[in-house]
């Protein structure tokens, strides 16, 4: 089920955007996988992204400046395969009700792939968890209002 490449005695996941090896990167108590020296993208396993997606979560700041290779070009429109799950294509969707940042999500392992700059954009969307909760409530109210208006 998992896609790992053996290198010596270690296993590496391949970057879904540029095919380079992903390397572990530690931020506080979280260990994500980064495309260091490649495209600068980040892989978060199940529930890891929620630990660094808000500006007050200090650990996330350590993940904002991944070293990149300026010669690496990434087609952001191209569909990507999960670096963990063999044969599973990542699903692209908006991260929040503001619909400003699209992320790639694995429906099998629940991991997230973020291209370079997407974590910073996510962390900048809302000043606090309260602001995000209000945006969600407004979005849901707007959906229901729209649905009720169209039924008349």
C-alpha atoms as a PDB file:
ATOM      1  CA  UNK A   1       0.000   0.000   0.000  1.00  0.00           C
ATOM      2  CA  UNK A   2       2.830   2.459   0.758  1.00  0.00           C
ATOM      3  CA  UNK A   3       5.256   3.864  -1.852  1.00  0.00           C
ATOM      4  CA  UNK A   4       8.739   3.936  -0.404  1.00  0.00           C
ATOM      5  CA  UNK A   5      12.085   3.827  -2.188  1.00  0.00           C
ATOM      6  CA  UNK A   6      14.977   2.045  -0.528  1.00  0.00           C
ATOM      7  CA  UNK A   7      18.260   3.963  -0.343  1.00  0.00           C
ATOM      8  CA  UNK A   8      20.880   2.028   1.584  1.00  0.00           C
ATOM      9  CA  UNK A   9      19.206   1.050   4.844  1.00  0.00           C
ATOM     10  CA  UNK A  10      16.677   3.899   4.717  1.00  0.00           C
ATOM     11  CA  UNK A  11      13.320   4.322   3.023  1.00  0.00           C
ATOM     12  CA  UNK A  12      12.305   7.573   1.345  1.00  0.00           C
ATOM     13  CA  UNK A  13       9.025   8.720  -0.059  1.00  0.00           C
ATOM     14  CA  UNK A  14       9.147  10.395  -3.462  1.00  0.00           C
ATOM     15  CA  UNK A  15       7.904  13.953  -3.909  1.00  0.00           C
ATOM     16  CA  UNK A  16       4.560  13.911  -5.743  1.00  0.00           C
ATOM     17  CA  UNK A  17       5.426  17.199  -7.503  1.00  0.00           C
ATOM     18  CA  UNK A  18       9.044  16.803  -8.665  1.00  0.00           C
ATOM     19  CA  UNK A  19       9.941  13.138  -7.867  1.00  0.00           C
ATOM     20  CA  UNK A  20      12.868  13.956  -5.579  1.00  0.00           C
ATOM     21  CA  UNK A  21      13.292  12.169  -2.243  1.00  0.00           C
ATOM     22  CA  UNK A  22      11.320  13.599   0.658  1.00  0.00           C
ATOM     23  CA  UNK A  23      13.274  14.101   3.877  1.00  0.00           C
ATOM     24  CA  UNK A  24      11.935  14.260   7.421  1.00  0.00           C
ATOM     25  CA  UNK A  25      11.770  17.739   8.939  1.00  0.00           C
ATOM     26  CA  UNK A  26      11.012  18.316  12.600  1.00  0.00           C
ATOM     27  CA  UNK A  27       9.003  21.260  13.865  1.00  0.00           C
ATOM     28  CA  UNK A  28       8.398  21.050  17.600  1.00  0.00           C
ATOM     29  CA  UNK A  29       6.959  17.587  18.273  1.00  0.00           C
ATOM     30  CA  UNK A  30       5.796  17.177  14.654  1.00  0.00           C
ATOM     31  CA  UNK A  31       7.803  15.452  11.921  1.00  0.00           C
ATOM     32  CA  UNK A  32       6.633  16.179   8.381  1.00  0.00           C
ATOM     33  CA  UNK A  33       8.321  15.237   5.095  1.00  0.00           C
ATOM     34  CA  UNK A  34       9.850  17.971   2.959  1.00  0.00           C
ATOM     35  CA  UNK A  35      11.179  18.184  -0.569  1.00  0.00           C
ATOM     36  CA  UNK A  36      14.433  19.832   0.570  1.00  0.00           C
ATOM     37  CA  UNK A  37      16.596  20.961  -2.316  1.00  0.00           C
ATOM     38  CA  UNK A  38      13.775  20.217  -4.759  1.00  0.00           C
ATOM     39  CA  UNK A  39      10.430  22.005  -5.109  1.00  0.00           C
ATOM     40  CA  UNK A  40      10.087  22.856  -1.398  1.00  0.00           C
ATOM     41  CA  UNK A  41       6.748  21.099  -0.919  1.00  0.00           C
ATOM     42  CA  UNK A  42       5.580  19.452   2.306  1.00  0.00           C
ATOM     43  CA  UNK A  43       3.828  16.169   3.113  1.00  0.00           C
ATOM     44  CA  UNK A  44       1.731  15.932   6.272  1.00  0.00           C
ATOM     45  CA  UNK A  45       0.447  12.600   7.533  1.00  0.00           C
ATOM     46  CA  UNK A  46      -3.036  12.277   9.002  1.00  0.00           C
ATOM     47  CA  UNK A  47      -3.876  15.191  11.379  1.00  0.00           C
ATOM     48  CA  UNK A  48      -0.351  16.720  11.265  1.00  0.00           C
ATOM     49  CA  UNK A  49      -1.371  19.745   9.200  1.00  0.00           C
ATOM     50  CA  UNK A  50      -3.915  20.804  11.827  1.00  0.00           C
ATOM     51  CA  UNK A  51      -1.030  21.231  14.297  1.00  0.00           C
ATOM     52  CA  UNK A  52       0.704  23.955  12.212  1.00  0.00           C
ATOM     53  CA  UNK A  53      -2.025  25.611  10.114  1.00  0.00           C
ATOM     54  CA  UNK A  54      -2.633  28.650  12.343  1.00  0.00           C
ATOM     55  CA  UNK A  55      -0.244  31.565  12.930  1.00  0.00           C
ATOM     56  CA  UNK A  56      -0.174  31.110  16.727  1.00  0.00           C
ATOM     57  CA  UNK A  57       1.165  27.540  16.338  1.00  0.00           C
ATOM     58  CA  UNK A  58       4.880  28.302  16.650  1.00  0.00           C
ATOM     59  CA  UNK A  59       6.066  24.958  15.256  1.00  0.00           C
ATOM     60  CA  UNK A  60       4.655  25.843  11.829  1.00  0.00           C
ATOM     61  CA  UNK A  61       7.100  28.736  11.387  1.00  0.00           C
ATOM     62  CA  UNK A  62       9.972  26.231  11.066  1.00  0.00           C
ATOM     63  CA  UNK A  63       8.291  24.745   7.988  1.00  0.00           C
ATOM     64  CA  UNK A  64       7.968  27.951   5.986  1.00  0.00           C
ATOM     65  CA  UNK A  65      11.477  28.171   4.495  1.00  0.00           C
ATOM     66  CA  UNK A  66      12.337  24.825   2.909  1.00  0.00           C
ATOM     67  CA  UNK A  67      15.486  25.090   0.716  1.00  0.00           C
ATOM     68  CA  UNK A  68      14.633  24.750  -2.996  1.00  0.00           C
ATOM     69  CA  UNK A  69      16.447  24.126  -6.256  1.00  0.00           C
ATOM     70  CA  UNK A  70      15.624  27.118  -8.490  1.00  0.00           C
ATOM     71  CA  UNK A  71      16.026  24.871 -11.540  1.00  0.00           C
ATOM     72  CA  UNK A  72      13.084  22.687 -10.445  1.00  0.00           C
ATOM     73  CA  UNK A  73       9.855  23.536 -12.245  1.00  0.00           C
ATOM     74  CA  UNK A  74       6.526  22.230 -10.954  1.00  0.00           C
ATOM     75  CA  UNK A  75       3.260  22.023 -12.886  1.00  0.00           C
ATOM     76  CA  UNK A  76       0.725  22.892 -10.163  1.00  0.00           C
ATOM     77  CA  UNK A  77      -2.190  21.858 -12.388  1.00  0.00           C
ATOM     78  CA  UNK A  78      -0.900  18.271 -12.806  1.00  0.00           C
ATOM     79  CA  UNK A  79      -2.647  15.520 -10.835  1.00  0.00           C
ATOM     80  CA  UNK A  80      -0.381  13.917  -8.248  1.00  0.00           C
ATOM     81  CA  UNK A  81      -0.032  10.502  -6.701  1.00  0.00           C
ATOM     82  CA  UNK A  82       0.086   9.992  -2.954  1.00  0.00           C
ATOM     83  CA  UNK A  83       3.687   9.545  -1.778  1.00  0.00           C
ATOM     84  CA  UNK A  84       2.476   7.012   0.815  1.00  0.00           C
ATOM     85  CA  UNK A  85      -0.239   5.021  -0.961  1.00  0.00           C
ATOM     86  CA  UNK A  86       0.548   3.103  -4.135  1.00  0.00           C
ATOM     87  CA  UNK A  87      -1.891   3.861  -6.951  1.00  0.00           C
ATOM     88  CA  UNK A  88      -3.903   6.534  -5.127  1.00  0.00           C
ATOM     89  CA  UNK A  89      -4.341   9.935  -6.782  1.00  0.00           C
ATOM     90  CA  UNK A  90      -4.477  12.967  -4.518  1.00  0.00           C
ATOM     91  CA  UNK A  91      -7.722  14.938  -4.570  1.00  0.00           C
ATOM     92  CA  UNK A  92      -7.432  18.713  -4.927  1.00  0.00           C
ATOM     93  CA  UNK A  93      -9.735  20.948  -2.919  1.00  0.00           C
ATOM     94  CA  UNK A  94      -9.837  24.279  -1.131  1.00  0.00           C
ATOM     95  CA  UNK A  95      -8.489  24.234   2.400  1.00  0.00           C
ATOM     96  CA  UNK A  96     -10.983  26.647   3.943  1.00  0.00           C
ATOM     97  CA  UNK A  97     -14.259  28.466   3.254  1.00  0.00           C
ATOM     98  CA  UNK A  98     -12.316  31.451   1.910  1.00  0.00           C
ATOM     99  CA  UNK A  99     -11.401  29.263  -1.058  1.00  0.00           C
ATOM    100  CA  UNK A 100      -8.011  30.912  -1.493  1.00  0.00           C
ATOM    101  CA  UNK A 101      -5.622  27.956  -1.063  1.00  0.00           C
ATOM    102  CA  UNK A 102      -5.974  24.639  -2.891  1.00  0.00           C
ATOM    103  CA  UNK A 103      -4.305  21.608  -1.321  1.00  0.00           C
ATOM    104  CA  UNK A 104      -3.864  17.986  -2.360  1.00  0.00           C
ATOM    105  CA  UNK A 105      -5.441  15.402  -0.046  1.00  0.00           C
ATOM    106  CA  UNK A 106      -5.156  11.604  -0.038  1.00  0.00           C
ATOM    107  CA  UNK A 107      -8.541   9.921   0.396  1.00  0.00           C
ATOM    108  CA  UNK A 108      -6.832   6.696   1.518  1.00  0.00           C
ATOM    109  CA  UNK A 109      -4.363   7.767   4.248  1.00  0.00           C
ATOM    110  CA  UNK A 110      -5.783  11.257   4.903  1.00  0.00           C
ATOM    111  CA  UNK A 111      -2.413  12.943   4.295  1.00  0.00           C
ATOM    112  CA  UNK A 112      -1.942  16.384   2.733  1.00  0.00           C
ATOM    113  CA  UNK A 113       0.541  17.631   0.137  1.00  0.00           C
ATOM    114  CA  UNK A 114       1.257  21.371   0.148  1.00  0.00           C
ATOM    115  CA  UNK A 115       3.226  23.055  -2.607  1.00  0.00           C
ATOM    116  CA  UNK A 116       5.793  25.673  -1.647  1.00  0.00           C
ATOM    117  CA  UNK A 117       4.071  28.754  -0.223  1.00  0.00           C
ATOM    118  CA  UNK A 118       0.741  27.072   0.521  1.00  0.00           C
ATOM    119  CA  UNK A 119       1.443  26.599   4.246  1.00  0.00           C
ATOM    120  CA  UNK A 120       2.278  30.304   4.591  1.00  0.00           C
ATOM    121  CA  UNK A 121      -0.931  31.195   2.729  1.00  0.00           C
ATOM    122  CA  UNK A 122      -2.995  28.909   4.979  1.00  0.00           C
ATOM    123  CA  UNK A 123      -1.405  30.327   8.136  1.00  0.00           C
ATOM    124  CA  UNK A 124      -2.156  33.853   6.905  1.00  0.00           C
ATOM    125  CA  UNK A 125      -5.840  33.283   6.147  1.00  0.00           C
ATOM    126  CA  UNK A 126      -7.140  33.797   9.687  1.00  0.00           C
ATOM    127  CA  UNK A 127      -5.669  35.654  12.640  1.00  0.00           C
ATOM    128  CA  UNK A 128      -7.068  33.119  15.110  1.00  0.00           C
ATOM    129  CA  UNK A 129      -9.112  29.946  15.481  1.00  0.00           C
ATOM    130  CA  UNK A 130     -12.094  32.129  16.465  1.00  0.00           C
ATOM    131  CA  UNK A 131     -11.851  34.041  13.173  1.00  0.00           C
ATOM    132  CA  UNK A 132     -11.743  30.756  11.264  1.00  0.00           C
ATOM    133  CA  UNK A 133     -14.770  29.414  13.166  1.00  0.00           C
ATOM    134  CA  UNK A 134     -16.727  32.580  12.336  1.00  0.00           C
ATOM    135  CA  UNK A 135     -15.812  32.210   8.649  1.00  0.00           C
ATOM    136  CA  UNK A 136     -17.058  28.597   8.699  1.00  0.00           C
ATOM    137  CA  UNK A 137     -20.334  29.649  10.328  1.00  0.00           C
ATOM    138  CA  UNK A 138     -20.795  32.438   7.766  1.00  0.00           C
ATOM    139  CA  UNK A 139     -20.071  30.009   4.920  1.00  0.00           C
ATOM    140  CA  UNK A 140     -22.611  27.464   6.194  1.00  0.00           C
ATOM    141  CA  UNK A 141     -25.242  30.182   6.702  1.00  0.00           C
ATOM    142  CA  UNK A 142     -24.639  31.416   3.152  1.00  0.00           C
ATOM    143  CA  UNK A 143     -25.019  27.893   1.757  1.00  0.00           C
ATOM    144  CA  UNK A 144     -28.307  27.321   3.558  1.00  0.00           C
ATOM    145  CA  UNK A 145     -29.621  30.734   2.584  1.00  0.00           C
ATOM    146  CA  UNK A 146     -28.750  30.042  -1.050  1.00  0.00           C
ATOM    147  CA  UNK A 147     -30.391  26.605  -0.902  1.00  0.00           C
ATOM    148  CA  UNK A 148     -33.571  27.970   0.671  1.00  0.00           C
ATOM    149  CA  UNK A 149     -33.746  30.896  -1.798  1.00  0.00           C
ATOM    150  CA  UNK A 150     -33.502  28.510  -4.772  1.00  0.00           C
ATOM    151  CA  UNK A 151     -36.321  26.294  -3.451  1.00  0.00           C
ATOM    152  CA  UNK A 152     -38.858  29.133  -3.576  1.00  0.00           C
END
